[in-house]
Amino acid sequence: MGVVLQMPVVLAALLGGALLTLLLERTLLQRTQTEPGPAAAVDYRHAVDPPNADRWLYPAGPVLALLGVALATVVIPFGPNLIGEDLGIGVFYFIVVVDFVVLGIALGGWGANTPDAVEACYRIVAQLVAYVIPLGLALVGAIMMAESLSTVAIVEAQTGLWYIVLQPIGFVLYLITGLMQAYRAPFLEPFAASIQQGVLHTSGGWQAMAWRMALSGVLFVVAAMGAVLFLGGWQGPLLPGPVWMLLKTYGLMALMLWLGTRVRLRSTAQMLALSWKVLIPVGLVNVLIVGMLILLGVGTA
């Protein structure tokens, strides 16, 4: 069990991580001249009040999205004793709460009640359907080898050999589905320029700030979980554990963002086709390979 951190500390860590994420993302976008998606500029100074917005759903969207990212941060171990809470079902918990972002975007889009925002609501739900199964298959391999859903146990199980070596297929699958889960290129349909960046166009003031933190934060926690599952988390020579964890997180994030700009943008229909025709079969093959490795005693304690 790690040291239990209070929620303000977790939120402070998320705020710092989200800010660095936004800076990294905008730097890469300036170099590639690609569509900004969730990193599009928002107006923090002036509130936006859509004329037909629902008084409850519209403001609830960014709050729920931010809450989901904050709760997901709780089970990310940034060091051997630096974690909000080491839950025995940490990976499962992470999958559930981080997708509160989807619910937040859906509520915010529907609540804004503008054509573009409502379109974003439909697109975000379709994108969830596209990535959730192959993402689960990418996670299963690490869980099988570690024989635990605890994020701390998964990191400790990689002492001496990271899972990226034993599960390269699972790692690649996580990169692709992680981009879908974080709504980054080439999978940014809910925030595409064609619908004026969806909910971002209908938000200003505190709501815009909450969206910014939530959307930068979701990329941060997805990359951090990838570092936990495949890159040995905080483990590494010489440097302190938290430094290694941050280096791996931002290195993985930079790789994801760069790879995303190398591929043309995918429509919702193309995402669904990719998922069901390619990613899910590849994920099943990865699970079979991991099962064979476990039977041979490779990668197990």
C-alpha atoms as a PDB file:
ATOM      1  CA  MET A   1       0.000   0.000   0.000  1.00  0.00           C
ATOM      2  CA  GLY A   2       1.439   3.375  -0.992  1.00  0.00           C
ATOM      3  CA  VAL A   3       1.261   6.540   1.024  1.00  0.00           C
ATOM      4  CA  VAL A   4      -2.300   7.817   0.816  1.00  0.00           C
ATOM      5  CA  LEU A   5      -2.258  11.327  -0.593  1.00  0.00           C
ATOM      6  CA  GLN A   6      -5.002  13.808   0.079  1.00  0.00           C
ATOM      7  CA  MET A   7      -7.187  14.887  -2.843  1.00  0.00           C
ATOM      8  CA  PRO A   8      -5.746  18.439  -3.005  1.00  0.00           C
ATOM      9  CA  VAL A   9      -2.287  16.955  -3.589  1.00  0.00           C
ATOM     10  CA  VAL A  10      -3.647  14.693  -6.331  1.00  0.00           C
ATOM     11  CA  LEU A  11      -5.371  17.666  -7.953  1.00  0.00           C
ATOM     12  CA  ALA A  12      -2.154  19.690  -7.751  1.00  0.00           C
ATOM     13  CA  ALA A  13      -0.275  16.854  -9.474  1.00  0.00           C
ATOM     14  CA  LEU A  14      -2.966  16.686 -12.150  1.00  0.00           C
ATOM     15  CA  LEU A  15      -2.865  20.450 -12.683  1.00  0.00           C
ATOM     16  CA  GLY A  16       0.906  20.421 -13.118  1.00  0.00           C
ATOM     17  CA  GLY A  17       0.764  17.399 -15.404  1.00  0.00           C
ATOM     18  CA  ALA A  18      -2.019  18.902 -17.525  1.00  0.00           C
ATOM     19  CA  LEU A  19      -0.157  22.206 -17.900  1.00  0.00           C
ATOM     20  CA  LEU A  20       3.055  20.513 -19.051  1.00  0.00           C
ATOM     21  CA  THR A  21       0.991  18.326 -21.377  1.00  0.00           C
ATOM     22  CA  LEU A  22      -0.609  21.346 -23.027  1.00  0.00           C
ATOM     23  CA  LEU A  23       2.767  23.022 -23.510  1.00  0.00           C
ATOM     24  CA  LEU A  24       4.251  19.864 -25.044  1.00  0.00           C
ATOM     25  CA  GLU A  25       1.239  19.327 -27.288  1.00  0.00           C
ATOM     26  CA  ARG A  26       1.143  22.888 -28.605  1.00  0.00           C
ATOM     27  CA  THR A  27       4.897  22.802 -29.286  1.00  0.00           C
ATOM     28  CA  LEU A  28       4.493  19.649 -31.376  1.00  0.00           C
ATOM     29  CA  LEU A  29       1.415  21.002 -33.164  1.00  0.00           C
ATOM     30  CA  GLN A  30       3.261  24.194 -34.144  1.00  0.00           C
ATOM     31  CA  ARG A  31       5.964  22.087 -35.760  1.00  0.00           C
ATOM     32  CA  THR A  32       3.595  19.787 -37.643  1.00  0.00           C
ATOM     33  CA  GLN A  33       0.884  22.336 -38.541  1.00  0.00           C
ATOM     34  CA  THR A  34      -1.815  19.751 -37.845  1.00  0.00           C
ATOM     35  CA  GLU A  35      -5.390  20.331 -36.675  1.00  0.00           C
ATOM     36  CA  PRO A  36      -5.370  21.325 -32.964  1.00  0.00           C
ATOM     37  CA  GLY A  37      -8.368  19.256 -31.836  1.00  0.00           C
ATOM     38  CA  PRO A  38      -8.647  19.327 -28.004  1.00  0.00           C
ATOM     39  CA  ALA A  39      -5.668  21.730 -27.855  1.00  0.00           C
ATOM     40  CA  ALA A  40      -7.602  24.430 -29.742  1.00  0.00           C
ATOM     41  CA  ALA A  41      -7.615  27.896 -28.210  1.00  0.00           C
ATOM     42  CA  VAL A  42     -10.432  28.700 -25.784  1.00  0.00           C
ATOM     43  CA  ASP A  43     -11.589  31.950 -24.193  1.00  0.00           C
ATOM     44  CA  TYR A  44     -10.909  31.985 -20.462  1.00  0.00           C
ATOM     45  CA  ARG A  45     -11.932  35.633 -20.043  1.00  0.00           C
ATOM     46  CA  HIS A  46     -15.551  35.602 -21.171  1.00  0.00           C
ATOM     47  CA  ALA A  47     -18.360  33.202 -20.343  1.00  0.00           C
ATOM     48  CA  VAL A  48     -20.362  31.715 -23.212  1.00  0.00           C
ATOM     49  CA  ASP A  49     -24.101  31.287 -22.784  1.00  0.00           C
ATOM     50  CA  PRO A  50     -25.734  29.355 -25.643  1.00  0.00           C
ATOM     51  CA  PRO A  51     -29.337  30.568 -25.962  1.00  0.00           C
ATOM     52  CA  ASN A  52     -30.945  27.122 -25.757  1.00  0.00           C
ATOM     53  CA  ALA A  53     -28.554  25.485 -23.296  1.00  0.00           C
ATOM     54  CA  ASP A  54     -29.851  23.196 -20.565  1.00  0.00           C
ATOM     55  CA  ARG A  55     -29.239  24.859 -17.192  1.00  0.00           C
ATOM     56  CA  TRP A  56     -28.042  21.615 -15.569  1.00  0.00           C
ATOM     57  CA  LEU A  57     -26.442  19.460 -18.273  1.00  0.00           C
ATOM     58  CA  TYR A  58     -24.441  22.255 -19.893  1.00  0.00           C
ATOM     59  CA  PRO A  59     -22.327  23.201 -16.828  1.00  0.00           C
ATOM     60  CA  ALA A  60     -22.215  19.595 -15.574  1.00  0.00           C
ATOM     61  CA  GLY A  61     -20.216  18.423 -18.617  1.00  0.00           C
ATOM     62  CA  PRO A  62     -16.775  19.941 -17.850  1.00  0.00           C
ATOM     63  CA  VAL A  63     -17.151  19.272 -14.116  1.00  0.00           C
ATOM     64  CA  LEU A  64     -17.813  15.562 -14.704  1.00  0.00           C
ATOM     65  CA  ALA A  65     -14.975  15.293 -17.234  1.00  0.00           C
ATOM     66  CA  LEU A  66     -12.515  16.920 -14.837  1.00  0.00           C
ATOM     67  CA  LEU A  67     -13.717  14.711 -11.981  1.00  0.00           C
ATOM     68  CA  GLY A  68     -13.095  11.580 -14.060  1.00  0.00           C
ATOM     69  CA  VAL A  69      -9.510  12.584 -14.834  1.00  0.00           C
ATOM     70  CA  ALA A  70      -8.842  13.523 -11.187  1.00  0.00           C
ATOM     71  CA  LEU A  71     -10.164  10.177  -9.964  1.00  0.00           C
ATOM     72  CA  ALA A  72      -8.054   8.340 -12.543  1.00  0.00           C
ATOM     73  CA  THR A  73      -4.926  10.116 -11.265  1.00  0.00           C
ATOM     74  CA  VAL A  74      -5.456   8.591  -7.809  1.00  0.00           C
ATOM     75  CA  VAL A  75      -4.258   5.108  -8.888  1.00  0.00           C
ATOM     76  CA  ILE A  76      -1.225   6.261 -10.920  1.00  0.00           C
ATOM     77  CA  PRO A  77       1.964   5.391  -8.973  1.00  0.00           C
ATOM     78  CA  PHE A  78       4.614   8.081  -9.501  1.00  0.00           C
ATOM     79  CA  GLY A  79       6.994   6.332  -7.129  1.00  0.00           C
ATOM     80  CA  PRO A  80       7.141   3.246  -4.873  1.00  0.00           C
ATOM     81  CA  ASN A  81       5.350   5.175  -2.129  1.00  0.00           C
ATOM     82  CA  LEU A  82       3.871   7.990  -4.182  1.00  0.00           C
ATOM     83  CA  ILE A  83       0.313   7.067  -5.074  1.00  0.00           C
ATOM     84  CA  GLY A  84      -3.100   8.315  -4.060  1.00  0.00           C
ATOM     85  CA  GLU A  85      -4.425   4.819  -3.342  1.00  0.00           C
ATOM     86  CA  ASP A  86      -3.104   1.407  -4.360  1.00  0.00           C
ATOM     87  CA  LEU A  87      -6.391  -0.310  -5.113  1.00  0.00           C
ATOM     88  CA  GLY A  88      -6.456  -4.044  -5.687  1.00  0.00           C
ATOM     89  CA  ILE A  89      -8.565  -3.376  -8.790  1.00  0.00           C
ATOM     90  CA  GLY A  90      -6.594  -0.306  -9.845  1.00  0.00           C
ATOM     91  CA  VAL A  91      -6.494  -0.931 -13.613  1.00  0.00           C
ATOM     92  CA  PHE A  92     -10.210  -1.763 -13.764  1.00  0.00           C
ATOM     93  CA  TYR A  93     -10.989   1.306 -11.663  1.00  0.00           C
ATOM     94  CA  PHE A  94      -8.889   3.437 -14.025  1.00  0.00           C
ATOM     95  CA  ILE A  95     -10.754   2.206 -17.110  1.00  0.00           C
ATOM     96  CA  VAL A  96     -14.108   3.035 -15.531  1.00  0.00           C
ATOM     97  CA  VAL A  97     -13.425   6.492 -14.099  1.00  0.00           C
ATOM     98  CA  VAL A  98     -11.319   7.909 -16.950  1.00  0.00           C
ATOM     99  CA  ASP A  99     -14.246   7.391 -19.295  1.00  0.00           C
ATOM    100  CA  PHE A 100     -16.280   9.834 -17.218  1.00  0.00           C
ATOM    101  CA  VAL A 101     -14.670  12.223 -19.701  1.00  0.00           C
ATOM    102  CA  VAL A 102     -16.840  10.658 -22.413  1.00  0.00           C
ATOM    103  CA  LEU A 103     -19.947  11.162 -20.309  1.00  0.00           C
ATOM    104  CA  GLY A 104     -18.915  14.746 -19.559  1.00  0.00           C
ATOM    105  CA  ILE A 105     -18.443  15.582 -23.241  1.00  0.00           C
ATOM    106  CA  ALA A 106     -21.727  13.916 -24.120  1.00  0.00           C
ATOM    107  CA  LEU A 107     -23.598  15.849 -21.424  1.00  0.00           C
ATOM    108  CA  GLY A 108     -21.861  19.113 -22.259  1.00  0.00           C
ATOM    109  CA  GLY A 109     -22.544  18.729 -25.977  1.00  0.00           C
ATOM    110  CA  TRP A 110     -26.176  17.741 -25.533  1.00  0.00           C
ATOM    111  CA  GLY A 111     -26.687  20.406 -22.866  1.00  0.00           C
ATOM    112  CA  ALA A 112     -25.236  23.189 -25.052  1.00  0.00           C
ATOM    113  CA  ASN A 113     -27.940  22.312 -27.592  1.00  0.00           C
ATOM    114  CA  THR A 114     -26.142  23.673 -30.652  1.00  0.00           C
ATOM    115  CA  PRO A 115     -25.746  21.615 -33.857  1.00  0.00           C
ATOM    116  CA  ASP A 116     -21.960  21.283 -33.542  1.00  0.00           C
ATOM    117  CA  ALA A 117     -22.000  20.462 -29.826  1.00  0.00           C
ATOM    118  CA  VAL A 118     -24.717  17.830 -30.237  1.00  0.00           C
ATOM    119  CA  GLU A 119     -22.729  16.328 -33.116  1.00  0.00           C
ATOM    120  CA  ALA A 120     -19.742  16.099 -30.761  1.00  0.00           C
ATOM    121  CA  CYS A 121     -21.977  14.203 -28.310  1.00  0.00           C
ATOM    122  CA  TYR A 122     -22.784  11.564 -30.938  1.00  0.00           C
ATOM    123  CA  ARG A 123     -19.177  11.313 -32.110  1.00  0.00           C
ATOM    124  CA  ILE A 124     -17.716  10.854 -28.633  1.00  0.00           C
ATOM    125  CA  VAL A 125     -20.051   7.949 -27.889  1.00  0.00           C
ATOM    126  CA  ALA A 126     -19.190   6.279 -31.198  1.00  0.00           C
ATOM    127  CA  GLN A 127     -15.484   6.725 -30.461  1.00  0.00           C
ATOM    128  CA  LEU A 128     -15.947   5.040 -27.078  1.00  0.00           C
ATOM    129  CA  VAL A 129     -17.509   2.057 -28.832  1.00  0.00           C
ATOM    130  CA  ALA A 130     -14.543   1.951 -31.226  1.00  0.00           C
ATOM    131  CA  TYR A 131     -11.738   1.827 -28.661  1.00  0.00           C
ATOM    132  CA  VAL A 132     -13.062   0.263 -25.477  1.00  0.00           C
ATOM    133  CA  ILE A 133     -12.716  -3.423 -26.458  1.00  0.00           C
ATOM    134  CA  PRO A 134      -9.255  -3.281 -28.099  1.00  0.00           C
ATOM    135  CA  LEU A 135      -8.048  -1.086 -25.225  1.00  0.00           C
ATOM    136  CA  GLY A 136      -9.190  -3.733 -22.773  1.00  0.00           C
ATOM    137  CA  LEU A 137      -7.327  -6.400 -24.758  1.00  0.00           C
ATOM    138  CA  ALA A 138      -4.161  -4.276 -24.650  1.00  0.00           C
ATOM    139  CA  LEU A 139      -4.410  -4.048 -20.856  1.00  0.00           C
ATOM    140  CA  VAL A 140      -5.164  -7.733 -20.303  1.00  0.00           C
ATOM    141  CA  GLY A 141      -1.662  -8.877 -21.275  1.00  0.00           C
ATOM    142  CA  ALA A 142       0.025  -6.849 -18.537  1.00  0.00           C
ATOM    143  CA  ILE A 143      -2.595  -7.945 -16.005  1.00  0.00           C
ATOM    144  CA  MET A 144      -2.087 -11.612 -16.929  1.00  0.00           C
ATOM    145  CA  MET A 145       1.690 -11.502 -16.470  1.00  0.00           C
ATOM    146  CA  ALA A 146       1.577  -9.515 -13.235  1.00  0.00           C
ATOM    147  CA  GLU A 147      -1.337 -11.614 -11.962  1.00  0.00           C
ATOM    148  CA  SER A 148      -2.805  -8.459 -10.467  1.00  0.00           C
ATOM    149  CA  LEU A 149      -4.964  -5.439 -11.257  1.00  0.00           C
ATOM    150  CA  SER A 150      -2.944  -3.295  -8.840  1.00  0.00           C
ATOM    151  CA  THR A 151      -0.898  -0.652 -10.656  1.00  0.00           C
ATOM    152  CA  VAL A 152       1.858  -0.924  -8.043  1.00  0.00           C
ATOM    153  CA  ALA A 153       2.021  -4.714  -8.415  1.00  0.00           C
ATOM    154  CA  ILE A 154       2.236  -4.392 -12.207  1.00  0.00           C
ATOM    155  CA  VAL A 155       5.212  -2.030 -11.926  1.00  0.00           C
ATOM    156  CA  GLU A 156       6.951  -4.283  -9.383  1.00  0.00           C
ATOM    157  CA  ALA A 157       6.387  -7.332 -11.616  1.00  0.00           C
ATOM    158  CA  GLN A 158       8.486  -5.629 -14.331  1.00  0.00           C
ATOM    159  CA  THR A 159      11.656  -5.514 -12.216  1.00  0.00           C
ATOM    160  CA  GLY A 160      14.481  -6.475 -14.556  1.00  0.00           C
ATOM    161  CA  LEU A 161      12.375  -6.711 -17.730  1.00  0.00           C
ATOM    162  CA  TRP A 162       9.702  -4.291 -18.883  1.00  0.00           C
ATOM    163  CA  TYR A 163       6.584  -5.616 -20.567  1.00  0.00           C
ATOM    164  CA  ILE A 164       7.279  -3.647 -23.743  1.00  0.00           C
ATOM    165  CA  VAL A 165       9.938  -6.303 -24.456  1.00  0.00           C
ATOM    166  CA  LEU A 166       7.597  -9.237 -23.899  1.00  0.00           C
ATOM    167  CA  GLN A 167       4.453  -7.614 -25.280  1.00  0.00           C
ATOM    168  CA  PRO A 168       5.387  -5.331 -28.203  1.00  0.00           C
ATOM    169  CA  ILE A 169       2.039  -6.042 -29.886  1.00  0.00           C
ATOM    170  CA  GLY A 170       0.170  -5.036 -26.747  1.00  0.00           C
ATOM    171  CA  PHE A 171       2.243  -1.862 -26.499  1.00  0.00           C
ATOM    172  CA  VAL A 172       1.471  -0.824 -30.089  1.00  0.00           C
ATOM    173  CA  LEU A 173      -2.196  -1.626 -29.505  1.00  0.00           C
ATOM    174  CA  TYR A 174      -2.148   0.599 -26.410  1.00  0.00           C
ATOM    175  CA  LEU A 175      -0.574   3.453 -28.381  1.00  0.00           C
ATOM    176  CA  ILE A 176      -3.381   3.367 -30.949  1.00  0.00           C
ATOM    177  CA  THR A 177      -6.273   2.931 -28.542  1.00  0.00           C
ATOM    178  CA  GLY A 178      -4.691   5.454 -26.155  1.00  0.00           C
ATOM    179  CA  LEU A 179      -4.852   8.083 -28.898  1.00  0.00           C
ATOM    180  CA  MET A 180      -8.521   7.204 -29.365  1.00  0.00           C
ATOM    181  CA  GLN A 181      -9.161   7.453 -25.640  1.00  0.00           C
ATOM    182  CA  ALA A 182      -7.395  10.823 -25.458  1.00  0.00           C
ATOM    183  CA  TYR A 183      -9.125  12.126 -28.645  1.00  0.00           C
ATOM    184  CA  ARG A 184      -5.863  13.060 -30.358  1.00  0.00           C
ATOM    185  CA  ALA A 185      -4.903  12.898 -34.015  1.00  0.00           C
ATOM    186  CA  PRO A 186      -5.726  10.974 -36.065  1.00  0.00           C
ATOM    187  CA  PHE A 187      -8.779  10.264 -33.880  1.00  0.00           C
ATOM    188  CA  LEU A 188     -10.090  13.732 -32.971  1.00  0.00           C
ATOM    189  CA  GLU A 189     -13.537  13.657 -34.587  1.00  0.00           C
ATOM    190  CA  PRO A 190     -15.343  14.962 -31.445  1.00  0.00           C
ATOM    191  CA  PHE A 191     -13.077  18.038 -31.600  1.00  0.00           C
ATOM    192  CA  ALA A 192     -12.627  18.396 -35.350  1.00  0.00           C
ATOM    193  CA  ALA A 193     -12.508  21.773 -37.064  1.00  0.00           C
ATOM    194  CA  SER A 194     -15.537  20.747 -39.134  1.00  0.00           C
ATOM    195  CA  ILE A 195     -17.691  21.076 -35.987  1.00  0.00           C
ATOM    196  CA  GLN A 196     -15.668  24.012 -34.574  1.00  0.00           C
ATOM    197  CA  GLN A 197     -13.962  21.853 -31.930  1.00  0.00           C
ATOM    198  CA  GLY A 198     -17.283  20.644 -30.515  1.00  0.00           C
ATOM    199  CA  VAL A 199     -17.906  21.602 -26.876  1.00  0.00           C
ATOM    200  CA  LEU A 200     -14.893  23.914 -26.821  1.00  0.00           C
ATOM    201  CA  HIS A 201     -16.660  26.320 -29.170  1.00  0.00           C
ATOM    202  CA  THR A 202     -19.630  26.646 -26.825  1.00  0.00           C
ATOM    203  CA  SER A 203     -17.609  27.155 -23.629  1.00  0.00           C
ATOM    204  CA  GLY A 204     -15.862  30.116 -22.049  1.00  0.00           C
ATOM    205  CA  GLY A 205     -14.720  31.378 -18.661  1.00  0.00           C
ATOM    206  CA  TRP A 206     -14.451  28.746 -15.922  1.00  0.00           C
ATOM    207  CA  GLN A 207     -16.010  26.086 -18.148  1.00  0.00           C
ATOM    208  CA  ALA A 208     -13.327  26.579 -20.792  1.00  0.00           C
ATOM    209  CA  MET A 209     -10.654  26.285 -18.109  1.00  0.00           C
ATOM    210  CA  ALA A 210     -12.219  23.075 -16.778  1.00  0.00           C
ATOM    211  CA  TRP A 211     -12.364  21.602 -20.307  1.00  0.00           C
ATOM    212  CA  ARG A 212      -8.744  22.556 -20.874  1.00  0.00           C
ATOM    213  CA  MET A 213      -7.580  20.839 -17.705  1.00  0.00           C
ATOM    214  CA  ALA A 214      -9.732  17.754 -18.320  1.00  0.00           C
ATOM    215  CA  LEU A 215      -8.686  17.299 -21.963  1.00  0.00           C
ATOM    216  CA  SER A 216      -4.993  17.879 -21.264  1.00  0.00           C
ATOM    217  CA  GLY A 217      -5.278  15.717 -18.162  1.00  0.00           C
ATOM    218  CA  VAL A 218      -6.777  12.755 -19.986  1.00  0.00           C
ATOM    219  CA  LEU A 219      -3.777  12.613 -22.325  1.00  0.00           C
ATOM    220  CA  PHE A 220      -1.486  12.843 -19.295  1.00  0.00           C
ATOM    221  CA  VAL A 221      -3.110   9.961 -17.385  1.00  0.00           C
ATOM    222  CA  VAL A 222      -3.378   7.753 -20.498  1.00  0.00           C
ATOM    223  CA  ALA A 223       0.366   8.184 -21.140  1.00  0.00           C
ATOM    224  CA  ALA A 224       1.137   7.653 -17.440  1.00  0.00           C
ATOM    225  CA  MET A 225      -0.848   4.410 -17.411  1.00  0.00           C
ATOM    226  CA  GLY A 226       1.049   3.286 -20.511  1.00  0.00           C
ATOM    227  CA  ALA A 227       4.313   3.912 -18.641  1.00  0.00           C
ATOM    228  CA  VAL A 228       2.994   1.826 -15.737  1.00  0.00           C
ATOM    229  CA  LEU A 229       1.815  -1.070 -17.902  1.00  0.00           C
ATOM    230  CA  PHE A 230       4.669  -1.385 -20.376  1.00  0.00           C
ATOM    231  CA  LEU A 231       7.672   0.752 -19.359  1.00  0.00           C
ATOM    232  CA  GLY A 232       8.269  -0.289 -15.769  1.00  0.00           C
ATOM    233  CA  GLY A 233       6.718   2.788 -14.180  1.00  0.00           C
ATOM    234  CA  TRP A 234       9.073   4.498 -11.744  1.00  0.00           C
ATOM    235  CA  GLN A 235      11.864   1.925 -12.181  1.00  0.00           C
ATOM    236  CA  GLY A 236      15.226   3.003 -13.624  1.00  0.00           C
ATOM    237  CA  PRO A 237      18.870   3.525 -12.657  1.00  0.00           C
ATOM    238  CA  LEU A 238      20.438   6.502 -10.880  1.00  0.00           C
ATOM    239  CA  LEU A 239      17.513   8.947 -11.020  1.00  0.00           C
ATOM    240  CA  PRO A 240      14.728   9.053  -8.407  1.00  0.00           C
ATOM    241  CA  GLY A 241      11.586   7.040  -9.175  1.00  0.00           C
ATOM    242  CA  PRO A 242       9.271  10.041  -9.742  1.00  0.00           C
ATOM    243  CA  VAL A 243      11.748  11.508 -12.242  1.00  0.00           C
ATOM    244  CA  TRP A 244      11.798   8.263 -14.223  1.00  0.00           C
ATOM    245  CA  MET A 245       8.014   8.091 -14.149  1.00  0.00           C
ATOM    246  CA  LEU A 246       7.646  11.621 -15.512  1.00  0.00           C
ATOM    247  CA  LEU A 247      10.322  11.056 -18.182  1.00  0.00           C
ATOM    248  CA  LYS A 248       8.591   7.909 -19.373  1.00  0.00           C
ATOM    249  CA  THR A 249       5.164   9.536 -19.280  1.00  0.00           C
ATOM    250  CA  TYR A 250       6.134  12.575 -21.336  1.00  0.00           C
ATOM    251  CA  GLY A 251       8.353  10.530 -23.639  1.00  0.00           C
ATOM    252  CA  LEU A 252       5.437   8.217 -24.375  1.00  0.00           C
ATOM    253  CA  MET A 253       3.121  11.178 -24.801  1.00  0.00           C
ATOM    254  CA  ALA A 254       5.479  12.821 -27.294  1.00  0.00           C
ATOM    255  CA  LEU A 255       5.706   9.535 -29.219  1.00  0.00           C
ATOM    256  CA  MET A 256       1.913   9.207 -29.332  1.00  0.00           C
ATOM    257  CA  LEU A 257       1.382  12.777 -30.492  1.00  0.00           C
ATOM    258  CA  TRP A 258       4.113  12.534 -33.129  1.00  0.00           C
ATOM    259  CA  LEU A 259       2.825   9.234 -34.503  1.00  0.00           C
ATOM    260  CA  GLY A 260      -0.697  10.671 -34.614  1.00  0.00           C
ATOM    261  CA  THR A 261       0.425  13.498 -36.882  1.00  0.00           C
ATOM    262  CA  ARG A 262       2.013  11.011 -39.309  1.00  0.00           C
ATOM    263  CA  VAL A 263      -1.383   9.532 -40.212  1.00  0.00           C
ATOM    264  CA  ARG A 264      -4.272  11.285 -41.921  1.00  0.00           C
ATOM    265  CA  LEU A 265      -7.331  12.003 -39.791  1.00  0.00           C
ATOM    266  CA  ARG A 266      -9.824   9.157 -39.442  1.00  0.00           C
ATOM    267  CA  SER A 267     -13.591   9.544 -39.545  1.00  0.00           C
ATOM    268  CA  THR A 268     -15.863   7.898 -36.987  1.00  0.00           C
ATOM    269  CA  ALA A 269     -16.794   5.180 -39.481  1.00  0.00           C
ATOM    270  CA  GLN A 270     -13.131   4.504 -40.233  1.00  0.00           C
ATOM    271  CA  MET A 271     -12.370   4.273 -36.512  1.00  0.00           C
ATOM    272  CA  LEU A 272     -15.095   1.685 -36.014  1.00  0.00           C
ATOM    273  CA  ALA A 273     -13.912  -0.321 -39.031  1.00  0.00           C
ATOM    274  CA  LEU A 274     -10.301  -0.202 -37.799  1.00  0.00           C
ATOM    275  CA  SER A 275     -11.375  -1.389 -34.370  1.00  0.00           C
ATOM    276  CA  TRP A 276     -13.524  -4.334 -35.390  1.00  0.00           C
ATOM    277  CA  LYS A 277     -11.532  -5.474 -38.423  1.00  0.00           C
ATOM    278  CA  VAL A 278      -7.959  -4.953 -37.191  1.00  0.00           C
ATOM    279  CA  LEU A 279      -7.477  -3.929 -33.557  1.00  0.00           C
ATOM    280  CA  ILE A 280      -9.730  -6.504 -31.882  1.00  0.00           C
ATOM    281  CA  PRO A 281      -8.279  -9.471 -33.835  1.00  0.00           C
ATOM    282  CA  VAL A 282      -4.739  -8.225 -33.098  1.00  0.00           C
ATOM    283  CA  GLY A 283      -5.655  -7.844 -29.433  1.00  0.00           C
ATOM    284  CA  LEU A 284      -6.907 -11.427 -29.271  1.00  0.00           C
ATOM    285  CA  VAL A 285      -3.680 -12.645 -30.865  1.00  0.00           C
ATOM    286  CA  ASN A 286      -1.707 -10.690 -28.258  1.00  0.00           C
ATOM    287  CA  VAL A 287      -3.647 -12.332 -25.433  1.00  0.00           C
ATOM    288  CA  LEU A 288      -2.918 -15.786 -26.908  1.00  0.00           C
ATOM    289  CA  ILE A 289       0.793 -14.990 -27.202  1.00  0.00           C
ATOM    290  CA  VAL A 290       0.945 -13.713 -23.617  1.00  0.00           C
ATOM    291  CA  GLY A 291      -0.847 -16.861 -22.455  1.00  0.00           C
ATOM    292  CA  MET A 292       1.762 -19.007 -24.218  1.00  0.00           C
ATOM    293  CA  LEU A 293       4.605 -17.019 -22.638  1.00  0.00           C
ATOM    294  CA  ILE A 294       3.062 -17.512 -19.186  1.00  0.00           C
ATOM    295  CA  LEU A 295       2.754 -21.263 -19.773  1.00  0.00           C
ATOM    296  CA  LEU A 296       6.443 -21.300 -20.704  1.00  0.00           C
ATOM    297  CA  GLY A 297       7.290 -19.378 -17.540  1.00  0.00           C
ATOM    298  CA  VAL A 298       8.459 -16.261 -19.390  1.00  0.00           C
ATOM    299  CA  GLY A 299       7.858 -12.933 -17.689  1.00  0.00           C
ATOM    300  CA  THR A 300       6.338 -14.417 -14.532  1.00  0.00           C
ATOM    301  CA  ALA A 301       7.692 -14.298 -10.999  1.00  0.00           C
END
